[in-house]
C-alpha atoms as a PDB file:
ATOM      1  CA  MET A   1      50.437  36.216 122.602  1.00  0.00           C
ATOM      2  CA  ARG A   2      47.922  33.562 121.563  1.00  0.00           C
ATOM      3  CA  TRP A   3      45.125  35.888 122.574  1.00  0.00           C
ATOM      4  CA  LYS A   4      46.467  38.632 120.303  1.00  0.00           C
ATOM      5  CA  THR A   5      46.889  36.213 117.399  1.00  0.00           C
ATOM      6  CA  GLY A   6      43.325  34.939 117.765  1.00  0.00           C
ATOM      7  CA  LEU A   7      41.977  38.467 117.912  1.00  0.00           C
ATOM      8  CA  PHE A   8      43.923  39.399 114.771  1.00  0.00           C
ATOM      9  CA  LEU A   9      42.499  36.389 112.916  1.00  0.00           C
ATOM     10  CA  LEU A  10      38.954  37.259 113.962  1.00  0.00           C
ATOM     11  CA  VAL A  11      39.371  40.859 112.721  1.00  0.00           C
ATOM     12  CA  ALA A  12      40.840  39.656 109.420  1.00  0.00           C
ATOM     13  CA  ILE A  13      37.961  37.222 108.918  1.00  0.00           C
ATOM     14  CA  ALA A  14      35.426  39.931 109.725  1.00  0.00           C
ATOM     15  CA  ILE A  15      37.023  42.380 107.281  1.00  0.00           C
ATOM     16  CA  GLY A  16      37.276  39.731 104.560  1.00  0.00           C
ATOM     17  CA  GLY A  17      33.696  38.632 105.100  1.00  0.00           C
ATOM     18  CA  GLY A  18      32.461  42.216 104.993  1.00  0.00           C
ATOM     19  CA  GLY A  19      34.420  42.896 101.818  1.00  0.00           C
ATOM     20  CA  TYR A  20      33.016  39.800 100.154  1.00  0.00           C
ATOM     21  CA  PHE A  21      29.484  40.753 101.185  1.00  0.00           C
ATOM     22  CA  ALA A  22      29.958  44.273  99.786  1.00  0.00           C
ATOM     23  CA  TRP A  23      31.393  42.925  96.542  1.00  0.00           C
ATOM     24  CA  GLN A  24      28.460  40.546  96.185  1.00  0.00           C
ATOM     25  CA  LYS A  25      26.028  43.376  96.781  1.00  0.00           C
ATOM     26  CA  PHE A  26      27.605  46.062  94.637  1.00  0.00           C
ATOM     27  CA  LYS A  27      29.404  44.069  91.922  1.00  0.00           C
ATOM     28  CA  PRO A  28      28.440  44.975  88.338  1.00  0.00           C
ATOM     29  CA  GLU A  29      25.463  43.119  86.990  1.00  0.00           C
ATOM     30  CA  GLY A  30      26.211  40.505  84.376  1.00  0.00           C
ATOM     31  CA  LEU A  31      24.757  40.898  80.890  1.00  0.00           C
ATOM     32  CA  PRO A  32      21.496  39.029  80.335  1.00  0.00           C
ATOM     33  CA  PRO A  33      21.266  36.586  77.409  1.00  0.00           C
ATOM     34  CA  GLY A  34      20.692  38.396  74.103  1.00  0.00           C
ATOM     35  CA  ILE A  35      23.018  41.331  74.831  1.00  0.00           C
ATOM     36  CA  ALA A  36      26.658  41.446  73.774  1.00  0.00           C
ATOM     37  CA  SER A  37      29.384  43.965  74.514  1.00  0.00           C
ATOM     38  CA  SER A  38      32.845  44.966  73.356  1.00  0.00           C
ATOM     39  CA  ASN A  39      35.368  47.708  73.903  1.00  0.00           C
ATOM     40  CA  GLY A  40      35.633  50.420  71.270  1.00  0.00           C
ATOM     41  CA  ARG A  41      36.137  54.106  70.698  1.00  0.00           C
ATOM     42  CA  LEU A  42      34.132  56.979  69.274  1.00  0.00           C
ATOM     43  CA  GLU A  43      34.987  58.105  65.777  1.00  0.00           C
ATOM     44  CA  ALA A  44      33.669  60.915  63.565  1.00  0.00           C
ATOM     45  CA  GLU A  45      33.743  61.302  59.818  1.00  0.00           C
ATOM     46  CA  ARG A  46      36.538  63.649  58.784  1.00  0.00           C
ATOM     47  CA  THR A  47      36.448  66.120  55.913  1.00  0.00           C
ATOM     48  CA  ASP A  48      39.710  67.570  54.623  1.00  0.00           C
ATOM     49  CA  ILE A  49      39.377  71.085  53.187  1.00  0.00           C
ATOM     50  CA  ALA A  50      41.955  71.216  50.395  1.00  0.00           C
ATOM     51  CA  THR A  51      42.832  73.514  47.510  1.00  0.00           C
ATOM     52  CA  LYS A  52      41.856  72.669  43.959  1.00  0.00           C
ATOM     53  CA  PHE A  53      44.629  74.828  42.485  1.00  0.00           C
ATOM     54  CA  PRO A  54      48.151  75.601  43.662  1.00  0.00           C
ATOM     55  CA  GLY A  55      48.655  79.016  45.224  1.00  0.00           C
ATOM     56  CA  ARG A  56      49.409  81.133  48.261  1.00  0.00           C
ATOM     57  CA  ILE A  57      47.120  81.144  51.291  1.00  0.00           C
ATOM     58  CA  LYS A  58      45.775  84.632  51.980  1.00  0.00           C
ATOM     59  CA  GLU A  59      43.613  84.004  55.075  1.00  0.00           C
ATOM     60  CA  VAL A  60      42.699  81.119  57.376  1.00  0.00           C
ATOM     61  CA  LEU A  61      39.580  82.227  59.213  1.00  0.00           C
ATOM     62  CA  VAL A  62      39.273  79.415  61.811  1.00  0.00           C
ATOM     63  CA  LYS A  63      41.306  77.922  64.636  1.00  0.00           C
ATOM     64  CA  GLU A  64      41.537  74.382  65.941  1.00  0.00           C
ATOM     65  CA  GLY A  65      38.513  73.616  68.091  1.00  0.00           C
ATOM     66  CA  ASP A  66      36.228  76.170  66.400  1.00  0.00           C
ATOM     67  CA  ALA A  67      32.669  75.086  65.608  1.00  0.00           C
ATOM     68  CA  VAL A  68      31.737  75.658  61.970  1.00  0.00           C
ATOM     69  CA  GLU A  69      28.496  75.546  59.996  1.00  0.00           C
ATOM     70  CA  ALA A  70      28.024  74.058  56.524  1.00  0.00           C
ATOM     71  CA  GLY A  71      28.821  76.680  53.868  1.00  0.00           C
ATOM     72  CA  GLN A  72      30.991  78.775  56.197  1.00  0.00           C
ATOM     73  CA  ILE A  73      34.100  80.327  54.627  1.00  0.00           C
ATOM     74  CA  LEU A  74      37.256  78.822  56.134  1.00  0.00           C
ATOM     75  CA  VAL A  75      40.108  79.865  53.830  1.00  0.00           C
ATOM     76  CA  ARG A  76      40.768  82.507  51.194  1.00  0.00           C
ATOM     77  CA  MET A  77      43.518  81.956  48.618  1.00  0.00           C
ATOM     78  CA  ASP A  78      45.438  84.750  46.874  1.00  0.00           C
ATOM     79  CA  ALA A  79      43.470  85.259  43.645  1.00  0.00           C
ATOM     80  CA  ALA A  80      45.396  88.184  42.093  1.00  0.00           C
ATOM     81  CA  GLU A  81      46.674  86.132  39.151  1.00  0.00           C
ATOM     82  CA  ILE A  82      43.353  84.541  38.252  1.00  0.00           C
ATOM     83  CA  ASN A  83      41.609  87.923  38.568  1.00  0.00           C
ATOM     84  CA  ALA A  84      44.068  89.310  35.998  1.00  0.00           C
ATOM     85  CA  GLN A  85      43.338  86.346  33.717  1.00  0.00           C
ATOM     86  CA  LEU A  86      39.614  87.017  34.092  1.00  0.00           C
ATOM     87  CA  LEU A  87      40.067  90.667  33.073  1.00  0.00           C
ATOM     88  CA  GLU A  88      42.027  89.488  30.046  1.00  0.00           C
ATOM     89  CA  ALA A  89      39.264  87.030  29.095  1.00  0.00           C
ATOM     90  CA  ASN A  90      36.586  89.723  29.420  1.00  0.00           C
ATOM     91  CA  ALA A  91      38.657  92.025  27.212  1.00  0.00           C
ATOM     92  CA  ALA A  92      39.009  89.224  24.648  1.00  0.00           C
ATOM     93  CA  THR A  93      35.224  88.847  24.653  1.00  0.00           C
ATOM     94  CA  GLU A  94      34.758  92.541  23.897  1.00  0.00           C
ATOM     95  CA  GLU A  95      37.362  92.336  21.124  1.00  0.00           C
ATOM     96  CA  ALA A  96      35.603  89.332  19.577  1.00  0.00           C
ATOM     97  CA  GLU A  97      32.271  91.208  19.651  1.00  0.00           C
ATOM     98  CA  GLN A  98      33.891  94.133  17.818  1.00  0.00           C
ATOM     99  CA  GLN A  99      35.301  91.736  15.229  1.00  0.00           C
ATOM    100  CA  LEU A 100      31.795  90.384  14.718  1.00  0.00           C
ATOM    101  CA  ASP A 101      30.484  93.911  14.080  1.00  0.00           C
ATOM    102  CA  GLN A 102      33.258  94.439  11.536  1.00  0.00           C
ATOM    103  CA  ALA A 103      32.496  91.099   9.857  1.00  0.00           C
ATOM    104  CA  VAL A 104      28.797  92.010   9.562  1.00  0.00           C
ATOM    105  CA  ALA A 105      29.660  95.365   7.988  1.00  0.00           C
ATOM    106  CA  PHE A 106      32.133  93.677   5.629  1.00  0.00           C
ATOM    107  CA  LEU A 107      29.460  91.177   4.538  1.00  0.00           C
ATOM    108  CA  SER A 108      27.041  93.991   3.816  1.00  0.00           C
ATOM    109  CA  GLN A 109      29.671  95.673   1.651  1.00  0.00           C
ATOM    110  CA  ARG A 110      30.400  92.444  -0.238  1.00  0.00           C
ATOM    111  CA  LYS A 111      26.694  91.858  -0.864  1.00  0.00           C
ATOM    112  CA  SER A 112      26.389  95.368  -2.333  1.00  0.00           C
ATOM    113  CA  GLU A 113      29.339  94.647  -4.598  1.00  0.00           C
ATOM    114  CA  LEU A 114      27.719  91.362  -5.669  1.00  0.00           C
ATOM    115  CA  THR A 115      24.450  93.134  -6.485  1.00  0.00           C
ATOM    116  CA  LEU A 116      26.276  95.691  -8.626  1.00  0.00           C
ATOM    117  CA  ALA A 117      28.270  92.959 -10.396  1.00  0.00           C
ATOM    118  CA  GLU A 118      25.100  91.013 -11.190  1.00  0.00           C
ATOM    119  CA  GLN A 119      23.405  94.149 -12.574  1.00  0.00           C
ATOM    120  CA  GLU A 120      26.383  95.013 -14.774  1.00  0.00           C
ATOM    121  CA  TYR A 121      26.546  91.451 -16.063  1.00  0.00           C
ATOM    122  CA  GLU A 122      22.845  91.511 -17.025  1.00  0.00           C
ATOM    123  CA  ARG A 123      23.242  94.887 -18.801  1.00  0.00           C
ATOM    124  CA  SER A 124      26.240  93.624 -20.760  1.00  0.00           C
ATOM    125  CA  ARG A 125      24.239  90.589 -21.922  1.00  0.00           C
ATOM    126  CA  ILE A 126      21.453  92.845 -23.162  1.00  0.00           C
ATOM    127  CA  LEU A 127      23.900  95.169 -24.868  1.00  0.00           C
ATOM    128  CA  VAL A 128      25.711  92.338 -26.646  1.00  0.00           C
ATOM    129  CA  LYS A 129      22.393  91.151 -28.113  1.00  0.00           C
ATOM    130  CA  LYS A 130      21.793  94.657 -29.498  1.00  0.00           C
ATOM    131  CA  GLY A 131      25.343  94.892 -30.814  1.00  0.00           C
ATOM    132  CA  PHE A 132      26.457  97.613 -28.423  1.00  0.00           C
ATOM    133  CA  ALA A 133      28.897  95.414 -26.437  1.00  0.00           C
ATOM    134  CA  THR A 134      31.396  92.690 -27.148  1.00  0.00           C
ATOM    135  CA  LEU A 135      31.471  89.133 -25.827  1.00  0.00           C
ATOM    136  CA  GLU A 136      34.764  89.970 -24.173  1.00  0.00           C
ATOM    137  CA  LYS A 137      32.972  92.599 -22.080  1.00  0.00           C
ATOM    138  CA  VAL A 138      30.333  90.077 -21.091  1.00  0.00           C
ATOM    139  CA  GLY A 139      33.055  87.680 -19.991  1.00  0.00           C
ATOM    140  CA  GLN A 140      34.680  90.349 -17.857  1.00  0.00           C
ATOM    141  CA  ARG A 141      31.374  91.179 -16.178  1.00  0.00           C
ATOM    142  CA  LYS A 142      30.767  87.456 -15.509  1.00  0.00           C
ATOM    143  CA  ALA A 143      34.193  87.131 -13.886  1.00  0.00           C
ATOM    144  CA  THR A 144      33.487  90.152 -11.728  1.00  0.00           C
ATOM    145  CA  GLN A 145      30.182  88.617 -10.647  1.00  0.00           C
ATOM    146  CA  LEU A 146      31.823  85.319  -9.670  1.00  0.00           C
ATOM    147  CA  ALA A 147      34.498  87.145  -7.681  1.00  0.00           C
ATOM    148  CA  ALA A 148      31.819  89.089  -5.826  1.00  0.00           C
ATOM    149  CA  GLN A 149      29.994  85.863  -4.983  1.00  0.00           C
ATOM    150  CA  SER A 150      33.202  84.398  -3.578  1.00  0.00           C
ATOM    151  CA  ALA A 151      33.760  87.550  -1.519  1.00  0.00           C
ATOM    152  CA  VAL A 152      30.269  87.210  -0.014  1.00  0.00           C
ATOM    153  CA  ILE A 153      30.922  83.577   0.948  1.00  0.00           C
ATOM    154  CA  SER A 154      34.244  84.593   2.547  1.00  0.00           C
ATOM    155  CA  ALA A 155      32.541  87.404   4.468  1.00  0.00           C
ATOM    156  CA  GLU A 156      29.878  84.991   5.769  1.00  0.00           C
ATOM    157  CA  ALA A 157      32.651  82.654   6.960  1.00  0.00           C
ATOM    158  CA  GLY A 158      34.252  85.638   8.723  1.00  0.00           C
ATOM    159  CA  ILE A 159      31.026  86.164  10.681  1.00  0.00           C
ATOM    160  CA  LYS A 160      31.041  82.526  11.765  1.00  0.00           C
ATOM    161  CA  ARG A 161      34.659  82.868  12.883  1.00  0.00           C
ATOM    162  CA  ALA A 162      33.829  86.014  14.850  1.00  0.00           C
ATOM    163  CA  LYS A 163      30.880  84.290  16.568  1.00  0.00           C
ATOM    164  CA  ALA A 164      33.068  81.293  17.417  1.00  0.00           C
ATOM    165  CA  GLY A 165      35.653  83.688  18.861  1.00  0.00           C
ATOM    166  CA  ILE A 166      32.979  85.271  21.064  1.00  0.00           C
ATOM    167  CA  THR A 167      31.815  81.837  22.266  1.00  0.00           C
ATOM    168  CA  ALA A 168      35.389  80.798  23.094  1.00  0.00           C
ATOM    169  CA  ALA A 169      36.121  84.055  24.934  1.00  0.00           C
ATOM    170  CA  ILE A 170      32.903  83.829  26.958  1.00  0.00           C
ATOM    171  CA  ALA A 171      33.615  80.173  27.812  1.00  0.00           C
ATOM    172  CA  ARG A 172      37.104  81.050  29.015  1.00  0.00           C
ATOM    173  CA  ALA A 173      35.729  83.882  31.166  1.00  0.00           C
ATOM    174  CA  LEU A 174      33.082  81.576  32.638  1.00  0.00           C
ATOM    175  CA  ARG A 175      35.700  78.924  33.382  1.00  0.00           C
ATOM    176  CA  LEU A 176      37.873  81.461  35.173  1.00  0.00           C
ATOM    177  CA  GLU A 177      34.870  82.729  37.143  1.00  0.00           C
ATOM    178  CA  GLU A 178      34.117  79.161  38.266  1.00  0.00           C
ATOM    179  CA  ASN A 179      37.775  78.601  39.136  1.00  0.00           C
ATOM    180  CA  LEU A 180      37.751  81.839  41.110  1.00  0.00           C
ATOM    181  CA  LYS A 181      35.044  80.385  43.369  1.00  0.00           C
ATOM    182  CA  ASP A 182      37.482  77.632  44.340  1.00  0.00           C
ATOM    183  CA  TYR A 183      39.853  80.257  45.724  1.00  0.00           C
ATOM    184  CA  VAL A 184      37.372  80.694  48.593  1.00  0.00           C
ATOM    185  CA  LEU A 185      37.220  77.418  50.549  1.00  0.00           C
ATOM    186  CA  THR A 186      34.058  76.582  52.481  1.00  0.00           C
ATOM    187  CA  THR A 187      33.065  73.578  54.565  1.00  0.00           C
ATOM    188  CA  PRO A 188      30.426  71.228  53.135  1.00  0.00           C
ATOM    189  CA  VAL A 189      29.526  69.961  56.627  1.00  0.00           C
ATOM    190  CA  SER A 190      28.892  71.375  60.064  1.00  0.00           C
ATOM    191  CA  GLY A 191      31.310  70.271  62.748  1.00  0.00           C
ATOM    192  CA  ARG A 192      34.467  71.201  64.594  1.00  0.00           C
ATOM    193  CA  VAL A 193      37.922  72.120  63.329  1.00  0.00           C
ATOM    194  CA  GLN A 194      40.241  69.269  64.289  1.00  0.00           C
ATOM    195  CA  TYR A 195      43.433  70.404  62.566  1.00  0.00           C
ATOM    196  CA  ARG A 196      44.701  73.618  61.004  1.00  0.00           C
ATOM    197  CA  LEU A 197      47.423  72.324  58.712  1.00  0.00           C
ATOM    198  CA  ALA A 198      48.684  75.510  56.996  1.00  0.00           C
ATOM    199  CA  GLN A 199      49.133  79.192  57.776  1.00  0.00           C
ATOM    200  CA  PRO A 200      48.591  82.435  55.791  1.00  0.00           C
ATOM    201  CA  GLY A 201      51.459  83.122  53.420  1.00  0.00           C
ATOM    202  CA  GLU A 202      52.269  79.467  52.797  1.00  0.00           C
ATOM    203  CA  VAL A 203      52.259  78.200  49.212  1.00  0.00           C
ATOM    204  CA  VAL A 204      50.424  74.900  48.753  1.00  0.00           C
ATOM    205  CA  GLY A 205      50.093  72.627  45.764  1.00  0.00           C
ATOM    206  CA  ALA A 206      46.905  71.426  44.127  1.00  0.00           C
ATOM    207  CA  GLY A 207      45.093  69.217  46.633  1.00  0.00           C
ATOM    208  CA  GLY A 208      47.011  70.673  49.574  1.00  0.00           C
ATOM    209  CA  LYS A 209      45.125  70.168  52.848  1.00  0.00           C
ATOM    210  CA  ILE A 210      44.577  73.285  54.945  1.00  0.00           C
ATOM    211  CA  VAL A 211      41.856  72.418  57.495  1.00  0.00           C
ATOM    212  CA  THR A 212      40.343  69.166  58.747  1.00  0.00           C
ATOM    213  CA  ILE A 213      36.719  69.189  59.935  1.00  0.00           C
ATOM    214  CA  LEU A 214      35.103  66.585  62.181  1.00  0.00           C
ATOM    215  CA  ASP A 215      31.463  66.045  61.230  1.00  0.00           C
ATOM    216  CA  LEU A 216      29.851  65.885  64.668  1.00  0.00           C
ATOM    217  CA  THR A 217      26.510  64.818  63.190  1.00  0.00           C
ATOM    218  CA  ASP A 218      28.100  61.573  62.003  1.00  0.00           C
ATOM    219  CA  VAL A 219      29.672  59.962  65.076  1.00  0.00           C
ATOM    220  CA  TYR A 220      29.891  56.242  65.753  1.00  0.00           C
ATOM    221  CA  MET A 221      31.676  53.723  67.932  1.00  0.00           C
ATOM    222  CA  THR A 222      33.553  50.866  66.297  1.00  0.00           C
ATOM    223  CA  ILE A 223      33.455  47.566  68.182  1.00  0.00           C
ATOM    224  CA  PHE A 224      34.304  43.960  67.300  1.00  0.00           C
ATOM    225  CA  LEU A 225      32.103  40.952  68.009  1.00  0.00           C
ATOM    226  CA  PRO A 226      32.716  37.209  67.614  1.00  0.00           C
ATOM    227  CA  THR A 227      30.915  35.188  64.964  1.00  0.00           C
ATOM    228  CA  ALA A 228      28.328  33.834  67.396  1.00  0.00           C
ATOM    229  CA  ASP A 229      27.172  37.341  68.269  1.00  0.00           C
ATOM    230  CA  ALA A 230      27.681  39.050  64.900  1.00  0.00           C
ATOM    231  CA  GLY A 231      25.608  36.388  63.157  1.00  0.00           C
ATOM    232  CA  LYS A 232      22.561  37.288  65.267  1.00  0.00           C
ATOM    233  CA  LEU A 233      22.981  41.044  64.896  1.00  0.00           C
ATOM    234  CA  GLU A 234      20.628  43.065  62.677  1.00  0.00           C
ATOM    235  CA  ILE A 235      21.266  46.419  61.043  1.00  0.00           C
ATOM    236  CA  GLY A 236      19.258  48.977  63.011  1.00  0.00           C
ATOM    237  CA  ALA A 237      19.378  46.992  66.242  1.00  0.00           C
ATOM    238  CA  GLU A 238      19.386  48.991  69.476  1.00  0.00           C
ATOM    239  CA  ALA A 239      22.708  49.686  71.117  1.00  0.00           C
ATOM    240  CA  ARG A 240      24.128  51.507  74.112  1.00  0.00           C
ATOM    241  CA  ILE A 241      27.468  53.224  74.643  1.00  0.00           C
ATOM    242  CA  VAL A 242      29.100  53.811  78.026  1.00  0.00           C
ATOM    243  CA  PRO A 243      32.157  56.081  77.706  1.00  0.00           C
ATOM    244  CA  ASP A 244      35.151  55.375  79.925  1.00  0.00           C
ATOM    245  CA  ALA A 245      35.477  59.103  80.688  1.00  0.00           C
ATOM    246  CA  ALA A 246      31.932  59.291  82.050  1.00  0.00           C
ATOM    247  CA  PRO A 247      30.743  55.782  83.022  1.00  0.00           C
ATOM    248  CA  GLN A 248      27.696  57.195  84.801  1.00  0.00           C
ATOM    249  CA  TYR A 249      26.115  58.026  81.441  1.00  0.00           C
ATOM    250  CA  VAL A 250      24.496  55.631  78.967  1.00  0.00           C
ATOM    251  CA  ILE A 251      24.190  56.887  75.382  1.00  0.00           C
ATOM    252  CA  PRO A 252      21.661  55.464  72.913  1.00  0.00           C
ATOM    253  CA  ALA A 253      22.849  54.222  69.529  1.00  0.00           C
ATOM    254  CA  LYS A 254      21.898  51.923  66.657  1.00  0.00           C
ATOM    255  CA  VAL A 255      23.823  49.321  64.693  1.00  0.00           C
ATOM    256  CA  SER A 256      24.565  50.917  61.313  1.00  0.00           C
ATOM    257  CA  PHE A 257      27.144  48.497  59.916  1.00  0.00           C
ATOM    258  CA  VAL A 258      28.223  44.876  60.318  1.00  0.00           C
ATOM    259  CA  ALA A 259      31.252  43.731  58.324  1.00  0.00           C
ATOM    260  CA  SER A 260      30.706  40.894  55.873  1.00  0.00           C
ATOM    261  CA  ASP A 261      34.185  39.490  56.507  1.00  0.00           C
ATOM    262  CA  ALA A 262      35.885  38.624  59.792  1.00  0.00           C
ATOM    263  CA  GLN A 263      39.152  40.258  60.771  1.00  0.00           C
ATOM    264  CA  PHE A 264      41.575  40.638  63.669  1.00  0.00           C
ATOM    265  CA  THR A 265      40.622  43.312  66.171  1.00  0.00           C
ATOM    266  CA  PRO A 266      43.011  46.271  66.591  1.00  0.00           C
ATOM    267  CA  LYS A 267      45.296  46.478  69.617  1.00  0.00           C
ATOM    268  CA  TYR A 268      43.420  49.253  71.382  1.00  0.00           C
ATOM    269  CA  VAL A 269      40.141  47.304  71.533  1.00  0.00           C
ATOM    270  CA  GLU A 270      40.739  43.978  73.212  1.00  0.00           C
ATOM    271  CA  THR A 271      43.268  41.941  75.158  1.00  0.00           C
ATOM    272  CA  LYS A 272      45.925  39.932  73.359  1.00  0.00           C
ATOM    273  CA  SER A 273      44.012  36.652  73.743  1.00  0.00           C
ATOM    274  CA  GLU A 274      40.878  38.214  72.266  1.00  0.00           C
ATOM    275  CA  ARG A 275      42.834  39.835  69.443  1.00  0.00           C
ATOM    276  CA  GLU A 276      43.984  36.426  68.352  1.00  0.00           C
ATOM    277  CA  LYS A 277      40.387  35.522  67.505  1.00  0.00           C
ATOM    278  CA  LEU A 278      38.698  36.545  64.280  1.00  0.00           C
ATOM    279  CA  MET A 279      36.021  39.143  64.968  1.00  0.00           C
ATOM    280  CA  PHE A 280      33.457  41.124  62.958  1.00  0.00           C
ATOM    281  CA  LYS A 281      33.634  44.903  62.818  1.00  0.00           C
ATOM    282  CA  VAL A 282      30.423  46.650  63.947  1.00  0.00           C
ATOM    283  CA  LYS A 283      29.537  50.344  63.953  1.00  0.00           C
ATOM    284  CA  LEU A 284      27.196  51.851  66.543  1.00  0.00           C
ATOM    285  CA  ARG A 285      25.947  55.192  65.233  1.00  0.00           C
ATOM    286  CA  LEU A 286      24.725  57.881  67.636  1.00  0.00           C
ATOM    287  CA  PRO A 287      21.414  59.698  66.928  1.00  0.00           C
ATOM    288  CA  VAL A 288      21.770  63.073  65.199  1.00  0.00           C
ATOM    289  CA  ASP A 289      19.461  64.839  67.675  1.00  0.00           C
ATOM    290  CA  VAL A 290      21.610  63.681  70.611  1.00  0.00           C
ATOM    291  CA  LEU A 291      24.795  64.766  68.822  1.00  0.00           C
ATOM    292  CA  LYS A 292      23.369  68.229  68.139  1.00  0.00           C
ATOM    293  CA  LYS A 293      22.152  68.633  71.700  1.00  0.00           C
ATOM    294  CA  TYR A 294      25.534  67.686  73.187  1.00  0.00           C
ATOM    295  CA  ALA A 295      27.714  69.048  70.360  1.00  0.00           C
ATOM    296  CA  LYS A 296      30.130  70.755  72.774  1.00  0.00           C
ATOM    297  CA  ARG A 297      30.812  67.500  74.604  1.00  0.00           C
ATOM    298  CA  VAL A 298      31.230  65.207  71.623  1.00  0.00           C
ATOM    299  CA  LYS A 299      34.876  64.211  71.107  1.00  0.00           C
ATOM    300  CA  ALA A 300      36.305  61.649  68.730  1.00  0.00           C
ATOM    301  CA  GLY A 301      38.769  59.132  70.151  1.00  0.00           C
ATOM    302  CA  ILE A 302      37.044  58.572  73.498  1.00  0.00           C
ATOM    303  CA  THR A 303      37.081  54.908  74.480  1.00  0.00           C
ATOM    304  CA  GLY A 304      34.226  53.037  76.080  1.00  0.00           C
ATOM    305  CA  ILE A 305      32.071  49.946  75.959  1.00  0.00           C
ATOM    306  CA  GLY A 306      29.440  49.300  73.330  1.00  0.00           C
ATOM    307  CA  TYR A 307      26.449  47.075  74.036  1.00  0.00           C
ATOM    308  CA  VAL A 308      24.122  45.622  71.388  1.00  0.00           C
ATOM    309  CA  LYS A 309      20.851  43.744  71.416  1.00  0.00           C
ATOM    310  CA  LEU A 310      21.092  40.422  69.633  1.00  0.00           C
ATOM    311  CA  SER A 311      17.318  40.016  69.873  1.00  0.00           C
ATOM    312  CA  SER A 312      14.569  42.629  69.842  1.00  0.00           C
ATOM    313  CA  ASN A 313      12.713  40.696  72.540  1.00  0.00           C
ATOM    314  CA  VAL A 314      15.433  41.395  75.119  1.00  0.00           C
ATOM    315  CA  SER A 315      14.988  44.292  77.550  1.00  0.00           C
ATOM    316  CA  TRP A 316      17.836  46.497  78.661  1.00  0.00           C
ATOM    317  CA  PRO A 317      18.900  45.952  82.268  1.00  0.00           C
ATOM    318  CA  GLU A 318      18.565  48.866  84.657  1.00  0.00           C
ATOM    319  CA  ASN A 319      22.238  49.831  84.419  1.00  0.00           C
ATOM    320  CA  LEU A 320      22.000  50.157  80.602  1.00  0.00           C
ATOM    321  CA  LYS A 321      18.928  52.342  80.359  1.00  0.00           C
ATOM    322  CA  VAL A 322      19.553  55.676  78.636  1.00  0.00           C
ATOM    323  CA  ASN A 323      21.028  58.225  81.007  1.00  0.00           C
ATOM    324  CA  LEU A 324      22.237  61.485  79.463  1.00  0.00           C
ATOM    325  CA  PRO A 325      23.667  64.621  81.138  1.00  0.00           C
ATOM    326  CA  VAL A 326      21.305  67.410  82.088  1.00  0.00           C
ATOM    327  CA  VAL A 327      21.727  70.409  79.787  1.00  0.00           C
ATOM    328  CA  SER A 328      22.025  73.644  81.736  1.00  0.00           C
ATOM    329  CA  GLY A 329      20.885  77.007  80.419  1.00  0.00           C
ATOM    330  CA  SER A 330      24.475  78.204  79.971  1.00  0.00           C
ATOM    331  CA  ASP A 331      25.756  75.011  78.402  1.00  0.00           C
ATOM    332  CA  ASP A 332      24.359  73.603  75.233  1.00  0.00           C
ATOM    333  CA  GLY A 333      26.498  70.506  75.578  1.00  0.00           C
END
């Protein structure tokens, strides 16, 4: 019995010693001075595609997960009503142009009448000097002349009104044409459809969100660092990201933002004891060329560890040197 117990103890010691030796040999390397780390998660800038005017959705041309390019049409709204308003505005423009033609013709007529009235007034003045006309006749001719002058002024004002009517009708048509463009919704950024929030046939109000796009050329990891580390950090400093989902890869990044005020870290980032400390928010932005190359693999919300250089003189340890997946011919990401 003693022999068995001694043998058991020897085996246990051997196993424990071997395990300790293996742990010492293969344990993760500690961070050298000048490099700090923190848990975080990848985030991407979101763009909500929303309607400018209330209306009914006619078509939604994308699905969740679809890749989209900047300028691509995503949604078409029912534009029957605004098209009818545009036809009405164009008709009003034509009517105003016809009114201008009539006002020009009316002015020409009034000018002819004024010319005749002035001639008759001059003849009556000559005749009254020769004794062939009375002063009463001269007065009548003068009154006729003044009335003709007033008619010309009124006709000129009618032309101005007609021109103003044309300008107003054209402006209304142009406004409706511009509004009509907003019934076709495009994406201002390239990225991936994260959410499709409405379906064809639904009626949405002004500002109603229909599609949400993730801009996969603007991806960053948010981490939190204590004052001692954040105070040494420079904008543009080198960084590395190791995602939890693929810890064998090391992604390059740069520090693009360091908060000016300290805050508590969110629950998903650190342990409770660390959350009780005031930390500084830091953003590690991924290079655009890397994001484009691995666009199919980029996903917002993935957690991982972010590492930053607190000094440019520090070198990255071997386990934090850039290591990206190999891109196969059939997979762009």
